[in-house]
């Protein structure tokens, strides 16, 4: 009798647990994988893409066009844009596997590589991804600190005149920027970044428009005697040898390509999308919108910036420094 009652209690306990588990799972709160329901839309994902793509690379486009010329510059930009769009469309289909619509979710870039390639290859891709993140973090920290120091120095020139020697150390800005990045990195995932990404996308458009406005103003003011060519820099004029021209052309193509790079976070961005309509279709559409908008701004910045010779981007031990040309 005691054994029978114990069995009944065990059965009731298991039934109660089962009922509790079924009650706790709510399709309105959770997705099919048990994670909180994703609410991302075409708008939020497009904002993520624009934020990820448009960065300090936009400042080097005028210089890149100057090296490539009026013919090769726009062609290179359009070609890299098309390659980016094509590769991102392929990658969008890798979010779920083996079926791109009903398959198991891959939450990160590394998981997607592991699902489709497996073996040792995903470890190499993961190493490359995180190496890229480290390089990007270093690059943005240095670029941001140099830019902030340049703004402070520019203010000093306007206040005291160009004959005054204005020196501004970039290290304090580097430390402040790094601290802000450490704080922001504590945000757990892209799901919590939608508002921030929309603000960042607006800021990206803002500084691109500021650059365009300055370039248009300089062109409208006249007196611009900068030499522009169809084929880029000329050996014996801007560069000393063919080898230097090849190096500059290669650097320009690299600058344009790096200005489009966002494949390492594409899967993480796609993981914010709600499951209906299918994530891969929405992601492909968002990629097309984001890359098209980016290409339009990049083309304007490259062409108008080159026409006005607004930006001079020089290599200083491998670090890009950006300076606004001023007339004394």
Protein backbone atom coordinates (compact mmCIF):
# COMPACT_ATOMS: atom_id res chain seq x y z
CA UNK A 1 0.00 0.00 0.00
CA UNK A 2 2.81 2.39 0.96
CA UNK A 3 4.68 1.53 -2.24
CA UNK A 4 1.51 2.15 -4.26
CA UNK A 5 0.96 5.58 -2.65
CA UNK A 6 4.60 6.48 -3.26
CA UNK A 7 4.26 5.56 -6.95
CA UNK A 8 1.11 7.67 -7.20
CA UNK A 9 2.88 10.62 -5.59
CA UNK A 10 5.79 10.20 -8.02
CA UNK A 11 3.39 10.07 -10.97
CA UNK A 12 1.50 13.15 -9.77
CA UNK A 13 4.79 14.95 -9.23
CA UNK A 14 5.94 14.17 -12.77
CA UNK A 15 2.58 15.24 -14.20
CA UNK A 16 2.74 18.47 -12.21
CA UNK A 17 6.24 19.17 -13.49
CA UNK A 18 5.13 18.49 -17.07
CA UNK A 19 2.13 20.79 -16.69
CA UNK A 20 4.33 23.49 -15.16
CA UNK A 21 6.83 23.25 -18.01
CA UNK A 22 4.05 23.48 -20.59
CA UNK A 23 2.52 26.40 -18.76
CA UNK A 24 5.83 28.25 -18.51
CA UNK A 25 6.50 28.00 -22.25
CA UNK A 26 4.49 30.71 -23.97
CA UNK A 27 4.84 31.16 -27.71
CA UNK A 28 3.99 34.84 -27.31
CA UNK A 29 7.00 35.32 -25.04
CA UNK A 30 9.47 32.72 -26.34
CA UNK A 31 10.60 31.55 -29.77
CA UNK A 32 10.75 27.86 -30.71
CA UNK A 33 14.31 27.60 -29.37
CA UNK A 34 13.25 28.68 -25.89
CA UNK A 35 14.91 32.09 -26.10
CA UNK A 36 13.02 35.38 -25.54
CA UNK A 37 10.92 36.22 -28.57
CA UNK A 38 12.85 38.18 -31.16
CA UNK A 39 11.24 41.44 -32.23
CA UNK A 40 13.67 42.75 -34.86
CA UNK A 41 12.24 44.28 -38.04
CA UNK A 42 13.49 45.41 -41.42
CA UNK A 43 14.05 48.91 -39.98
CA UNK A 44 16.09 47.84 -36.94
CA UNK A 45 18.22 45.39 -38.93
CA UNK A 46 18.90 47.99 -41.64
CA UNK A 47 20.00 50.39 -38.89
CA UNK A 48 22.35 47.71 -37.50
CA UNK A 49 23.84 47.18 -40.97
CA UNK A 50 24.36 50.88 -41.69
CA UNK A 51 25.91 51.34 -38.24
CA UNK A 52 28.25 48.38 -38.82
CA UNK A 53 29.26 49.45 -42.34
CA UNK A 54 29.58 53.24 -42.26
CA UNK A 55 32.57 54.13 -40.14
CA UNK A 56 35.82 56.04 -40.30
CA UNK A 57 36.53 54.34 -43.64
CA UNK A 58 34.35 56.96 -45.30
CA UNK A 59 37.08 59.52 -44.60
CA UNK A 60 39.59 57.70 -46.81
CA UNK A 61 37.37 57.47 -49.90
CA UNK A 62 38.40 60.82 -51.39
CA UNK A 63 42.05 59.80 -51.07
CA UNK A 64 41.27 56.41 -52.61
CA UNK A 65 39.55 58.08 -55.57
CA UNK A 66 42.57 60.35 -55.98
CA UNK A 67 44.84 57.30 -56.35
CA UNK A 68 42.49 55.43 -58.71
CA UNK A 69 41.15 58.34 -60.77
CA UNK A 70 37.72 59.18 -62.13
CA UNK A 71 37.34 55.90 -64.03
CA UNK A 72 38.69 53.19 -61.74
CA UNK A 73 37.51 54.85 -58.51
CA UNK A 74 33.72 54.62 -59.08
CA UNK A 75 34.10 51.24 -60.83
CA UNK A 76 36.00 49.79 -57.85
CA UNK A 77 33.41 51.15 -55.43
CA UNK A 78 30.49 49.67 -57.38
CA UNK A 79 32.27 46.33 -57.83
CA UNK A 80 33.04 45.97 -54.12
CA UNK A 81 29.48 47.02 -53.31
CA UNK A 82 28.10 44.28 -55.58
CA UNK A 83 30.45 41.68 -54.07
CA UNK A 84 29.39 42.70 -50.55
CA UNK A 85 25.71 42.45 -51.44
CA UNK A 86 26.16 39.04 -53.09
CA UNK A 87 28.19 37.57 -50.23
CA UNK A 88 25.81 38.92 -47.58
CA UNK A 89 22.86 37.35 -49.43
CA UNK A 90 24.64 33.98 -49.37
CA UNK A 91 25.52 34.38 -45.70
CA UNK A 92 21.92 35.26 -44.79
CA UNK A 93 20.93 31.73 -45.88
CA UNK A 94 23.37 30.27 -43.36
CA UNK A 95 21.54 31.55 -40.28
CA UNK A 96 19.53 28.32 -40.20
CA UNK A 97 20.83 24.91 -41.16
CA UNK A 98 20.40 22.68 -42.99
CA UNK A 99 17.26 24.42 -44.30
CA UNK A 100 17.50 28.23 -44.53
CA UNK A 101 13.88 28.69 -43.38
CA UNK A 102 13.00 25.82 -41.03
CA UNK A 103 16.42 24.60 -39.92
CA UNK A 104 18.17 24.98 -36.58
CA UNK A 105 19.27 28.50 -35.70
CA UNK A 106 22.97 29.42 -35.71
CA UNK A 107 23.33 32.27 -33.23
CA UNK A 108 26.83 33.41 -34.21
CA UNK A 109 29.16 33.55 -37.18
CA UNK A 110 31.27 30.74 -35.72
CA UNK A 111 28.22 28.48 -35.22
CA UNK A 112 27.17 29.02 -38.84
CA UNK A 113 30.65 28.14 -40.10
CA UNK A 114 30.71 25.06 -37.85
CA UNK A 115 27.28 23.91 -39.10
CA UNK A 116 28.23 24.14 -42.77
CA UNK A 117 31.98 23.46 -42.78
CA UNK A 118 32.62 21.74 -39.46
CA UNK A 119 35.97 20.27 -38.48
CA UNK A 120 38.92 22.51 -37.87
CA UNK A 121 37.81 25.19 -40.32
CA UNK A 122 35.37 26.89 -37.97
CA UNK A 123 38.16 27.35 -35.41
CA UNK A 124 40.28 29.10 -37.99
CA UNK A 125 37.34 31.30 -38.98
CA UNK A 126 36.69 32.08 -35.31
CA UNK A 127 40.32 33.04 -34.83
CA UNK A 128 40.15 35.29 -37.89
CA UNK A 129 36.89 36.87 -36.68
CA UNK A 130 38.16 37.75 -33.22
CA UNK A 131 41.49 38.87 -34.62
CA UNK A 132 39.55 41.23 -36.86
CA UNK A 133 37.56 42.51 -33.88
CA UNK A 134 40.78 43.25 -31.97
CA UNK A 135 42.25 45.08 -34.97
CA UNK A 136 39.06 47.08 -35.47
CA UNK A 137 38.93 48.02 -31.77
CA UNK A 138 42.54 49.24 -31.89
CA UNK A 139 41.96 51.11 -35.15
CA UNK A 140 38.81 52.89 -33.98
CA UNK A 141 40.36 53.79 -30.62
CA UNK A 142 43.38 55.38 -32.31
CA UNK A 143 41.31 57.06 -35.04
CA UNK A 144 38.80 58.48 -32.54
CA UNK A 145 41.51 59.86 -30.26
CA UNK A 146 43.42 61.43 -33.17
CA UNK A 147 40.20 62.96 -34.55
CA UNK A 148 39.21 64.43 -31.17
CA UNK A 149 42.71 65.86 -30.72
CA UNK A 150 42.51 67.33 -34.25
CA UNK A 151 39.20 69.03 -33.39
CA UNK A 152 40.73 70.55 -30.27
CA UNK A 153 43.78 71.68 -32.25
CA UNK A 154 41.55 73.18 -34.95
CA UNK A 155 39.68 75.13 -32.27
CA UNK A 156 43.03 76.42 -30.98
CA UNK A 157 44.01 77.62 -34.48
CA UNK A 158 40.69 79.41 -34.98
CA UNK A 159 40.98 81.05 -31.57
CA UNK A 160 44.67 82.03 -31.59
CA UNK A 161 45.60 82.04 -35.27
CA UNK A 162 47.68 79.69 -37.42
CA UNK A 163 50.96 81.23 -36.31
CA UNK A 164 50.48 79.76 -32.83
CA UNK A 165 51.82 76.26 -32.26
CA UNK A 166 48.86 74.25 -30.99
CA UNK A 167 49.74 70.87 -29.52
CA UNK A 168 47.17 68.41 -28.27
CA UNK A 169 47.95 64.95 -26.91
CA UNK A 170 45.64 62.16 -28.06
CA UNK A 171 46.24 59.81 -25.12
CA UNK A 172 43.55 61.26 -22.78
CA UNK A 173 40.94 60.91 -25.53
CA UNK A 174 42.14 57.37 -26.21
CA UNK A 175 41.59 56.43 -22.56
CA UNK A 176 38.12 58.03 -22.43
CA UNK A 177 37.06 56.36 -25.68
CA UNK A 178 38.32 52.99 -24.46
CA UNK A 179 36.38 53.32 -21.19
CA UNK A 180 33.18 54.14 -23.10
CA UNK A 181 33.71 51.11 -25.34
CA UNK A 182 34.24 48.84 -22.34
CA UNK A 183 30.96 50.08 -20.83
CA UNK A 184 29.03 49.65 -24.08
CA UNK A 185 30.51 46.17 -24.59
CA UNK A 186 28.61 45.02 -21.49
CA UNK A 187 25.36 45.23 -23.45
CA UNK A 188 24.56 41.50 -23.77
CA UNK A 189 23.55 41.25 -27.43
CA UNK A 190 22.22 42.97 -30.52
CA UNK A 191 18.66 42.59 -29.21
CA UNK A 192 19.39 45.39 -26.74
CA UNK A 193 21.11 47.63 -29.29
CA UNK A 194 18.24 48.57 -31.62
CA UNK A 195 17.78 52.09 -30.23
CA UNK A 196 21.51 52.70 -30.03
CA UNK A 197 22.01 51.48 -33.59
CA UNK A 198 19.35 53.84 -34.93
CA UNK A 199 21.06 56.76 -33.15
CA UNK A 200 24.45 55.60 -34.45
CA UNK A 201 23.08 55.31 -38.01
CA UNK A 202 21.78 58.89 -37.78
CA UNK A 203 25.20 60.01 -36.55
CA UNK A 204 26.88 58.16 -39.44
CA UNK A 205 24.70 60.04 -41.92
CA UNK A 206 25.32 63.27 -40.03
CA UNK A 207 29.11 63.27 -40.29
CA UNK A 208 28.96 62.03 -43.89
CA UNK A 209 26.63 64.93 -44.71
CA UNK A 210 28.91 67.37 -42.87
CA UNK A 211 31.81 66.20 -45.02
CA UNK A 212 29.74 66.54 -48.18
CA UNK A 213 28.59 70.00 -47.13
CA UNK A 214 32.15 71.17 -46.54
CA UNK A 215 33.23 69.76 -49.92
CA UNK A 216 30.34 71.44 -51.77
CA UNK A 217 31.07 74.72 -49.98
CA UNK A 218 34.72 74.57 -51.02
CA UNK A 219 33.79 73.81 -54.65
CA UNK A 220 31.22 76.64 -54.69
CA UNK A 221 33.78 79.09 -53.27
CA UNK A 222 36.04 78.48 -56.28
CA UNK A 223 39.78 78.83 -56.42
CA UNK A 224 40.26 75.07 -56.27
CA UNK A 225 43.38 74.32 -58.33
CA UNK A 226 43.74 70.68 -57.30
CA UNK A 227 44.77 68.38 -60.14
CA UNK A 228 42.36 65.51 -60.82
CA UNK A 229 42.87 62.81 -63.47
CA UNK A 230 41.00 60.00 -65.20
CA UNK A 231 43.64 57.40 -64.36
CA UNK A 232 44.72 58.42 -60.86
CA UNK A 233 48.13 59.45 -59.64
CA UNK A 234 50.79 59.96 -62.28
CA UNK A 235 54.29 58.53 -62.04
CA UNK A 236 56.78 61.36 -61.87
CA UNK A 237 54.19 63.85 -60.60
CA UNK A 238 52.38 62.59 -57.47
CA UNK A 239 54.41 59.40 -57.11
CA UNK A 240 58.07 58.68 -57.76
CA UNK A 241 57.84 55.19 -59.30
CA UNK A 242 55.52 52.54 -60.72
CA UNK A 243 56.02 50.48 -57.57
CA UNK A 244 54.71 53.32 -55.41
CA UNK A 245 51.68 53.74 -57.68
CA UNK A 246 50.89 50.01 -57.46
CA UNK A 247 51.20 50.20 -53.69
CA UNK A 248 48.85 53.19 -53.49
CA UNK A 249 46.31 51.59 -55.80
CA UNK A 250 46.37 48.41 -53.72
CA UNK A 251 45.97 50.44 -50.54
CA UNK A 252 43.03 52.30 -52.08
CA UNK A 253 41.25 49.06 -53.01
CA UNK A 254 41.87 47.81 -49.49
CA UNK A 255 40.44 51.00 -48.00
CA UNK A 256 37.28 50.72 -50.09
CA UNK A 257 36.86 47.01 -49.30
CA UNK A 258 37.34 47.53 -45.56
CA UNK A 259 34.74 50.32 -45.64
CA UNK A 260 32.10 47.70 -46.57
CA UNK A 261 33.08 44.92 -44.19
CA UNK A 262 30.33 43.63 -41.88
CA UNK A 263 30.16 39.89 -42.57
CA UNK A 264 31.58 39.00 -39.15
CA UNK A 265 28.46 40.37 -37.40
CA UNK A 266 25.83 39.61 -40.05
CA UNK A 267 24.61 36.41 -38.37
CA UNK A 268 24.38 38.14 -34.98
CA UNK A 269 22.34 40.94 -36.57
CA UNK A 270 20.07 38.43 -38.30
CA UNK A 271 19.49 36.68 -34.96
CA UNK A 272 17.52 39.74 -33.80
CA UNK A 273 14.81 39.25 -36.45
CA UNK A 274 11.42 37.81 -35.64
CA UNK A 275 10.81 34.49 -37.36
CA UNK A 276 7.94 35.63 -39.57
CA UNK A 277 8.50 36.52 -42.35
CA UNK A 278 11.53 34.21 -42.83
CA UNK A 279 14.71 35.77 -41.46
CA UNK A 280 16.82 35.13 -44.55
CA UNK A 281 14.39 37.00 -46.82
CA UNK A 282 14.20 40.01 -44.51
CA UNK A 283 17.98 39.98 -44.06
CA UNK A 284 18.61 39.94 -47.81
CA UNK A 285 16.24 42.87 -48.25
CA UNK A 286 17.86 44.77 -45.35
CA UNK A 287 21.32 44.10 -46.82
CA UNK A 288 20.20 45.43 -50.20
CA UNK A 289 18.80 48.60 -48.60
CA UNK A 290 21.76 49.11 -46.27
CA UNK A 291 24.44 48.50 -48.91
CA UNK A 292 22.61 50.67 -51.48
CA UNK A 293 22.31 53.61 -49.07
CA UNK A 294 25.93 53.17 -48.02
CA UNK A 295 27.11 53.03 -51.65
CA UNK A 296 25.24 56.24 -52.46
CA UNK A 297 26.90 58.09 -49.58
CA UNK A 298 30.30 56.57 -50.32
CA UNK A 299 30.06 57.57 -53.97
CA UNK A 300 29.11 61.13 -53.06
CA UNK A 301 31.90 61.36 -50.46
CA UNK A 302 34.45 59.94 -52.90
CA UNK A 303 33.53 62.02 -55.92
CA UNK A 304 32.77 65.34 -54.24
CA UNK A 305 35.60 64.94 -51.74
CA UNK A 306 38.07 64.25 -54.56
CA UNK A 307 36.77 67.21 -56.56
CA UNK A 308 37.23 69.53 -53.59
CA UNK A 309 40.36 67.81 -52.26
CA UNK A 310 38.66 68.12 -48.88
CA UNK A 311 40.36 65.33 -47.02
CA UNK A 312 43.99 64.30 -46.96
CA UNK A 313 44.48 60.84 -45.52
CA UNK A 314 48.12 60.02 -45.01
CA UNK A 315 49.73 56.83 -43.77
CA UNK A 316 51.67 57.25 -40.56
CA UNK A 317 53.23 53.94 -39.54
CA UNK A 318 50.15 52.12 -40.73
CA UNK A 319 47.69 54.38 -38.87
CA UNK A 320 45.27 56.49 -40.89
CA UNK A 321 45.28 60.12 -39.81
CA UNK A 322 42.68 62.46 -41.18
CA UNK A 323 43.23 66.17 -41.59
CA UNK A 324 40.97 68.86 -42.98
CA UNK A 325 42.77 71.06 -45.43
CA UNK A 326 42.61 74.73 -44.41
CA UNK A 327 43.73 77.87 -46.14
CA UNK A 328 45.88 80.21 -44.12
